[in-house]
Amino acid sequence: MTIVASANVLSAGPQGLRNHKSSEADMVAHLVRHLRKKYAIEAYGTEIKSHGRCRTDICIVVRMSGSDRGSPVVVGIEAKLASTERVLQQAILNKYGVDGSFVAMPANRISDDLLALAFDYGLGVLAVSDGEISVALPATLGTPDGAIRTRMMAQLKIAGRRSGDSAEGLVREGAARDVQTHSGLW
């Protein structure tokens, strides 16, 4: 299967994240700022404990408009500058505690292979560049473990800003593979 991202997502060119985006911590801060501007985020946090020693880089709560009249959606995001395999592993584990799980990487690191694997596992992909954050692939909504999801949500702080887009375009309905079938990535 070939998945083609829109041209504007991959337009960052070879520089990807340049200047001050030299660490994953810088990229996480960049992501949080841009996500809070774009989406109606109700709560958010970074380095959120999920299960065992696992932590999610960014966790946000957004609303879905439509049939459930704005039901909350918990989104987890794993950010990596280079390690495609590691970011996929962590994002798959996040599916145990969040409704939609993303990988976030510099736009110039996003390949057709990454997009195809992310699609197969129901993960979303965020392309990060200096000027913007683009949804290269929406995440598939899943059914996380209720206790883990609740524990993660309890660690989030209220965002205070309620305007912005709903979660449409960020997550999608649909079937993804069962989380427990992903041992081939390890």
C-alpha atoms as a PDB file:
ATOM      1  CA  MET A   1       0.000   0.000   0.000  1.00  0.00           C
ATOM      2  CA  THR A   2       1.319   3.438  -0.893  1.00  0.00           C
ATOM      3  CA  ILE A   3       0.228   6.420   1.124  1.00  0.00           C
ATOM      4  CA  VAL A   4       1.092   9.815  -0.240  1.00  0.00           C
ATOM      5  CA  ALA A   5       1.227  12.786   2.103  1.00  0.00           C
ATOM      6  CA  SER A   6       0.102  16.145   0.830  1.00  0.00           C
ATOM      7  CA  ALA A   7       2.852  18.237  -0.711  1.00  0.00           C
ATOM      8  CA  ASN A   8       2.707  20.924   1.989  1.00  0.00           C
ATOM      9  CA  VAL A   9       3.453  18.358   4.702  1.00  0.00           C
ATOM     10  CA  LEU A  10       6.768  17.366   3.182  1.00  0.00           C
ATOM     11  CA  SER A  11       7.726  20.833   1.981  1.00  0.00           C
ATOM     12  CA  ALA A  12      10.149  21.499   4.824  1.00  0.00           C
ATOM     13  CA  GLY A  13      12.954  20.170   2.649  1.00  0.00           C
ATOM     14  CA  PRO A  14      16.234  18.799   3.927  1.00  0.00           C
ATOM     15  CA  GLN A  15      16.493  21.327   6.738  1.00  0.00           C
ATOM     16  CA  GLY A  16      13.428  19.909   8.542  1.00  0.00           C
ATOM     17  CA  LEU A  17      13.673  21.451  11.970  1.00  0.00           C
ATOM     18  CA  ARG A  18      16.485  23.949  11.895  1.00  0.00           C
ATOM     19  CA  ASN A  19      17.960  26.473  14.307  1.00  0.00           C
ATOM     20  CA  HIS A  20      16.601  26.058  17.841  1.00  0.00           C
ATOM     21  CA  LYS A  21      14.820  22.695  17.361  1.00  0.00           C
ATOM     22  CA  SER A  22      17.916  20.688  18.169  1.00  0.00           C
ATOM     23  CA  SER A  23      16.543  18.353  20.848  1.00  0.00           C
ATOM     24  CA  GLU A  24      13.443  16.273  21.407  1.00  0.00           C
ATOM     25  CA  ALA A  25      12.564  18.487  24.388  1.00  0.00           C
ATOM     26  CA  ASP A  26      12.620  21.526  22.065  1.00  0.00           C
ATOM     27  CA  MET A  27      10.414  19.673  19.578  1.00  0.00           C
ATOM     28  CA  VAL A  28       7.930  18.738  22.343  1.00  0.00           C
ATOM     29  CA  ALA A  29       7.686  22.387  23.452  1.00  0.00           C
ATOM     30  CA  HIS A  30       7.203  23.422  19.795  1.00  0.00           C
ATOM     31  CA  LEU A  31       4.448  20.814  19.373  1.00  0.00           C
ATOM     32  CA  VAL A  32       2.605  21.887  22.543  1.00  0.00           C
ATOM     33  CA  ARG A  33       2.632  25.562  21.489  1.00  0.00           C
ATOM     34  CA  HIS A  34       1.315  24.832  18.008  1.00  0.00           C
ATOM     35  CA  LEU A  35      -1.279  22.273  19.097  1.00  0.00           C
ATOM     36  CA  ARG A  36      -2.670  24.688  21.708  1.00  0.00           C
ATOM     37  CA  LYS A  37      -3.035  27.360  19.008  1.00  0.00           C
ATOM     38  CA  LYS A  38      -4.727  25.076  16.475  1.00  0.00           C
ATOM     39  CA  TYR A  39      -7.023  22.814  18.493  1.00  0.00           C
ATOM     40  CA  ALA A  40      -9.556  23.396  21.243  1.00  0.00           C
ATOM     41  CA  ILE A  41      -7.440  21.601  23.836  1.00  0.00           C
ATOM     42  CA  GLU A  42      -9.150  21.174  27.180  1.00  0.00           C
ATOM     43  CA  ALA A  43      -6.225  19.634  29.058  1.00  0.00           C
ATOM     44  CA  TYR A  44      -2.625  18.734  28.296  1.00  0.00           C
ATOM     45  CA  GLY A  45       0.600  17.512  29.809  1.00  0.00           C
ATOM     46  CA  THR A  46       4.072  16.297  28.945  1.00  0.00           C
ATOM     47  CA  GLU A  47       5.941  13.197  30.121  1.00  0.00           C
ATOM     48  CA  ILE A  48       2.688  11.589  31.294  1.00  0.00           C
ATOM     49  CA  LYS A  49       3.040   8.264  33.115  1.00  0.00           C
ATOM     50  CA  SER A  50       0.931   5.547  31.554  1.00  0.00           C
ATOM     51  CA  HIS A  51       1.855   2.065  32.773  1.00  0.00           C
ATOM     52  CA  GLY A  52       4.998   0.653  34.322  1.00  0.00           C
ATOM     53  CA  ARG A  53       7.905   2.945  33.488  1.00  0.00           C
ATOM     54  CA  CYS A  54       6.271   4.110  30.244  1.00  0.00           C
ATOM     55  CA  ARG A  55       5.686   7.812  29.656  1.00  0.00           C
ATOM     56  CA  THR A  56       3.954   9.617  26.817  1.00  0.00           C
ATOM     57  CA  ASP A  57       5.757  12.712  25.505  1.00  0.00           C
ATOM     58  CA  ILE A  58       2.554  14.751  25.055  1.00  0.00           C
ATOM     59  CA  CYS A  59      -1.011  13.983  26.042  1.00  0.00           C
ATOM     60  CA  ILE A  60      -3.931  16.257  25.113  1.00  0.00           C
ATOM     61  CA  VAL A  61      -7.699  16.144  25.479  1.00  0.00           C
ATOM     62  CA  VAL A  62      -9.719  17.506  22.550  1.00  0.00           C
ATOM     63  CA  ARG A  63     -13.394  17.266  21.602  1.00  0.00           C
ATOM     64  CA  MET A  64     -14.973  15.464  18.677  1.00  0.00           C
ATOM     65  CA  SER A  65     -17.943  17.233  17.187  1.00  0.00           C
ATOM     66  CA  GLY A  66     -20.721  15.173  15.697  1.00  0.00           C
ATOM     67  CA  SER A  67     -22.875  12.342  16.970  1.00  0.00           C
ATOM     68  CA  ASP A  68     -21.547  12.215  20.543  1.00  0.00           C
ATOM     69  CA  ARG A  69     -21.969  15.994  20.866  1.00  0.00           C
ATOM     70  CA  GLY A  70     -18.377  16.704  21.591  1.00  0.00           C
ATOM     71  CA  SER A  71     -17.138  13.622  23.421  1.00  0.00           C
ATOM     72  CA  PRO A  72     -13.581  13.975  24.796  1.00  0.00           C
ATOM     73  CA  VAL A  73     -10.736  12.327  22.925  1.00  0.00           C
ATOM     74  CA  VAL A  74      -7.421  11.617  24.650  1.00  0.00           C
ATOM     75  CA  VAL A  75      -4.522  11.882  22.205  1.00  0.00           C
ATOM     76  CA  GLY A  76      -0.971  10.702  22.917  1.00  0.00           C
ATOM     77  CA  ILE A  77       2.023  11.920  20.926  1.00  0.00           C
ATOM     78  CA  GLU A  78       5.521  10.441  20.802  1.00  0.00           C
ATOM     79  CA  ALA A  79       8.171  12.783  19.413  1.00  0.00           C
ATOM     80  CA  LYS A  80      11.498  11.670  17.992  1.00  0.00           C
ATOM     81  CA  LEU A  81      14.063  13.465  15.870  1.00  0.00           C
ATOM     82  CA  ALA A  82      15.325  10.368  14.055  1.00  0.00           C
ATOM     83  CA  SER A  83      14.519   6.904  15.450  1.00  0.00           C
ATOM     84  CA  THR A  84      11.575   5.684  13.375  1.00  0.00           C
ATOM     85  CA  GLU A  85      11.510   2.219  14.955  1.00  0.00           C
ATOM     86  CA  ARG A  86      11.577   3.546  18.529  1.00  0.00           C
ATOM     87  CA  VAL A  87       8.887   6.173  17.940  1.00  0.00           C
ATOM     88  CA  LEU A  88       6.591   3.529  16.409  1.00  0.00           C
ATOM     89  CA  GLN A  89       7.158   1.169  19.351  1.00  0.00           C
ATOM     90  CA  GLN A  90       6.325   3.855  21.890  1.00  0.00           C
ATOM     91  CA  ALA A  91       3.270   5.100  20.003  1.00  0.00           C
ATOM     92  CA  ILE A  92       1.914   1.550  19.794  1.00  0.00           C
ATOM     93  CA  LEU A  93       2.301   1.147  23.557  1.00  0.00           C
ATOM     94  CA  ASN A  94       0.477   4.449  24.069  1.00  0.00           C
ATOM     95  CA  LYS A  95      -2.622   2.902  22.477  1.00  0.00           C
ATOM     96  CA  TYR A  96      -3.225   1.111  25.785  1.00  0.00           C
ATOM     97  CA  GLY A  97      -4.045   4.445  27.440  1.00  0.00           C
ATOM     98  CA  VAL A  98      -5.182   6.922  24.766  1.00  0.00           C
ATOM     99  CA  ASP A  99      -7.954   7.072  22.189  1.00  0.00           C
ATOM    100  CA  GLY A 100      -5.627   8.152  19.389  1.00  0.00           C
ATOM    101  CA  SER A 101      -1.843   7.746  19.239  1.00  0.00           C
ATOM    102  CA  PHE A 102       0.595   9.761  17.104  1.00  0.00           C
ATOM    103  CA  VAL A 103       4.207   9.814  16.115  1.00  0.00           C
ATOM    104  CA  ALA A 104       5.718  13.255  15.547  1.00  0.00           C
ATOM    105  CA  MET A 105       8.897  13.656  13.542  1.00  0.00           C
ATOM    106  CA  PRO A 106      10.617  16.352  11.494  1.00  0.00           C
ATOM    107  CA  ALA A 107       8.873  16.652   8.143  1.00  0.00           C
ATOM    108  CA  ASN A 108      12.000  15.614   6.240  1.00  0.00           C
ATOM    109  CA  ARG A 109      12.117  12.295   8.173  1.00  0.00           C
ATOM    110  CA  ILE A 110       8.616  11.202   7.149  1.00  0.00           C
ATOM    111  CA  SER A 111       8.751   8.533   4.465  1.00  0.00           C
ATOM    112  CA  ASP A 112       6.208   6.428   2.622  1.00  0.00           C
ATOM    113  CA  ASP A 113       7.378   3.447   4.723  1.00  0.00           C
ATOM    114  CA  LEU A 114       6.700   5.306   7.987  1.00  0.00           C
ATOM    115  CA  LEU A 115       3.258   6.388   6.761  1.00  0.00           C
ATOM    116  CA  ALA A 116       2.381   2.839   5.645  1.00  0.00           C
ATOM    117  CA  LEU A 117       3.465   1.303   8.974  1.00  0.00           C
ATOM    118  CA  ALA A 118       1.644   3.982  10.952  1.00  0.00           C
ATOM    119  CA  PHE A 119      -1.509   3.363   8.902  1.00  0.00           C
ATOM    120  CA  ASP A 120      -1.279  -0.396   9.475  1.00  0.00           C
ATOM    121  CA  TYR A 121      -1.016   0.101  13.244  1.00  0.00           C
ATOM    122  CA  GLY A 122      -3.702   2.792  13.444  1.00  0.00           C
ATOM    123  CA  LEU A 123      -1.228   5.504  14.386  1.00  0.00           C
ATOM    124  CA  GLY A 124      -1.337   9.100  13.250  1.00  0.00           C
ATOM    125  CA  VAL A 125       1.683  11.004  11.957  1.00  0.00           C
ATOM    126  CA  LEU A 126       2.480  14.650  12.659  1.00  0.00           C
ATOM    127  CA  ALA A 127       5.023  16.352  10.402  1.00  0.00           C
ATOM    128  CA  VAL A 128       6.940  18.984  12.360  1.00  0.00           C
ATOM    129  CA  SER A 129       8.686  21.915  10.706  1.00  0.00           C
ATOM    130  CA  ASP A 130       9.762  25.339  11.923  1.00  0.00           C
ATOM    131  CA  GLY A 131       6.623  27.060  10.752  1.00  0.00           C
ATOM    132  CA  GLU A 132       3.899  24.498  11.326  1.00  0.00           C
ATOM    133  CA  ILE A 133       2.651  21.144  12.504  1.00  0.00           C
ATOM    134  CA  SER A 134       0.784  19.193   9.806  1.00  0.00           C
ATOM    135  CA  VAL A 135      -1.308  16.055  10.116  1.00  0.00           C
ATOM    136  CA  ALA A 136       0.307  13.754   7.569  1.00  0.00           C
ATOM    137  CA  LEU A 137      -1.959  10.895   8.665  1.00  0.00           C
ATOM    138  CA  PRO A 138      -4.862  11.008  11.159  1.00  0.00           C
ATOM    139  CA  ALA A 139      -4.849   8.467  13.994  1.00  0.00           C
ATOM    140  CA  THR A 140      -7.475   5.731  14.183  1.00  0.00           C
ATOM    141  CA  LEU A 141      -9.653   5.940  17.281  1.00  0.00           C
ATOM    142  CA  GLY A 142      -9.158   2.924  19.500  1.00  0.00           C
ATOM    143  CA  THR A 143     -10.480   1.557  22.772  1.00  0.00           C
ATOM    144  CA  PRO A 144      -7.813   2.000  25.446  1.00  0.00           C
ATOM    145  CA  ASP A 145      -7.789   0.386  28.867  1.00  0.00           C
ATOM    146  CA  GLY A 146     -10.143   2.483  31.008  1.00  0.00           C
ATOM    147  CA  ALA A 147      -7.968   2.464  34.137  1.00  0.00           C
ATOM    148  CA  ILE A 148      -4.811   3.528  32.266  1.00  0.00           C
ATOM    149  CA  ARG A 149      -6.727   6.245  30.377  1.00  0.00           C
ATOM    150  CA  THR A 150      -8.180   7.606  33.635  1.00  0.00           C
ATOM    151  CA  ARG A 151      -4.765   7.577  35.335  1.00  0.00           C
ATOM    152  CA  MET A 152      -3.234   9.476  32.410  1.00  0.00           C
ATOM    153  CA  MET A 153      -6.034  12.048  32.314  1.00  0.00           C
ATOM    154  CA  ALA A 154      -5.595  12.719  36.051  1.00  0.00           C
ATOM    155  CA  GLN A 155      -2.050  13.978  35.361  1.00  0.00           C
ATOM    156  CA  LEU A 156      -3.130  16.620  32.830  1.00  0.00           C
ATOM    157  CA  LYS A 157      -3.584  20.294  33.550  1.00  0.00           C
ATOM    158  CA  ILE A 158      -6.554  22.322  32.350  1.00  0.00           C
ATOM    159  CA  ALA A 159      -5.655  24.306  29.244  1.00  0.00           C
ATOM    160  CA  GLY A 160      -7.938  27.279  29.828  1.00  0.00           C
ATOM    161  CA  ARG A 161      -8.380  27.919  26.088  1.00  0.00           C
ATOM    162  CA  ARG A 162     -11.455  26.423  24.477  1.00  0.00           C
ATOM    163  CA  SER A 163     -11.509  27.983  20.997  1.00  0.00           C
ATOM    164  CA  GLY A 164      -9.956  26.317  17.984  1.00  0.00           C
ATOM    165  CA  ASP A 165     -10.695  23.338  15.776  1.00  0.00           C
ATOM    166  CA  SER A 166     -12.286  20.158  17.065  1.00  0.00           C
ATOM    167  CA  ALA A 167     -10.444  16.861  16.677  1.00  0.00           C
ATOM    168  CA  GLU A 168     -11.777  16.230  13.155  1.00  0.00           C
ATOM    169  CA  GLY A 169      -8.827  15.713  10.851  1.00  0.00           C
ATOM    170  CA  LEU A 170      -6.687  14.657  13.808  1.00  0.00           C
ATOM    171  CA  VAL A 171      -8.372  11.291  14.420  1.00  0.00           C
ATOM    172  CA  ARG A 172     -10.509   8.973  12.293  1.00  0.00           C
ATOM    173  CA  GLU A 173     -12.957   6.171  12.932  1.00  0.00           C
ATOM    174  CA  GLY A 174     -11.911   2.772  11.658  1.00  0.00           C
ATOM    175  CA  ALA A 175     -10.384  -0.529  12.508  1.00  0.00           C
ATOM    176  CA  ALA A 176      -6.712  -0.827  13.309  1.00  0.00           C
ATOM    177  CA  ARG A 177      -4.787  -3.965  14.136  1.00  0.00           C
ATOM    178  CA  ASP A 178      -5.012  -5.269  17.669  1.00  0.00           C
ATOM    179  CA  VAL A 179      -2.238  -3.743  19.780  1.00  0.00           C
ATOM    180  CA  GLN A 180      -0.996  -7.158  20.841  1.00  0.00           C
ATOM    181  CA  THR A 181      -0.073  -8.177  17.275  1.00  0.00           C
ATOM    182  CA  HIS A 182       2.761  -5.652  16.991  1.00  0.00           C
ATOM    183  CA  SER A 183       5.630  -7.750  18.291  1.00  0.00           C
ATOM    184  CA  GLY A 184       7.241  -7.673  14.849  1.00  0.00           C
ATOM    185  CA  LEU A 185       8.574  -4.165  15.534  1.00  0.00           C
ATOM    186  CA  TRP A 186      10.664  -5.201  18.544  1.00  0.00           C
END
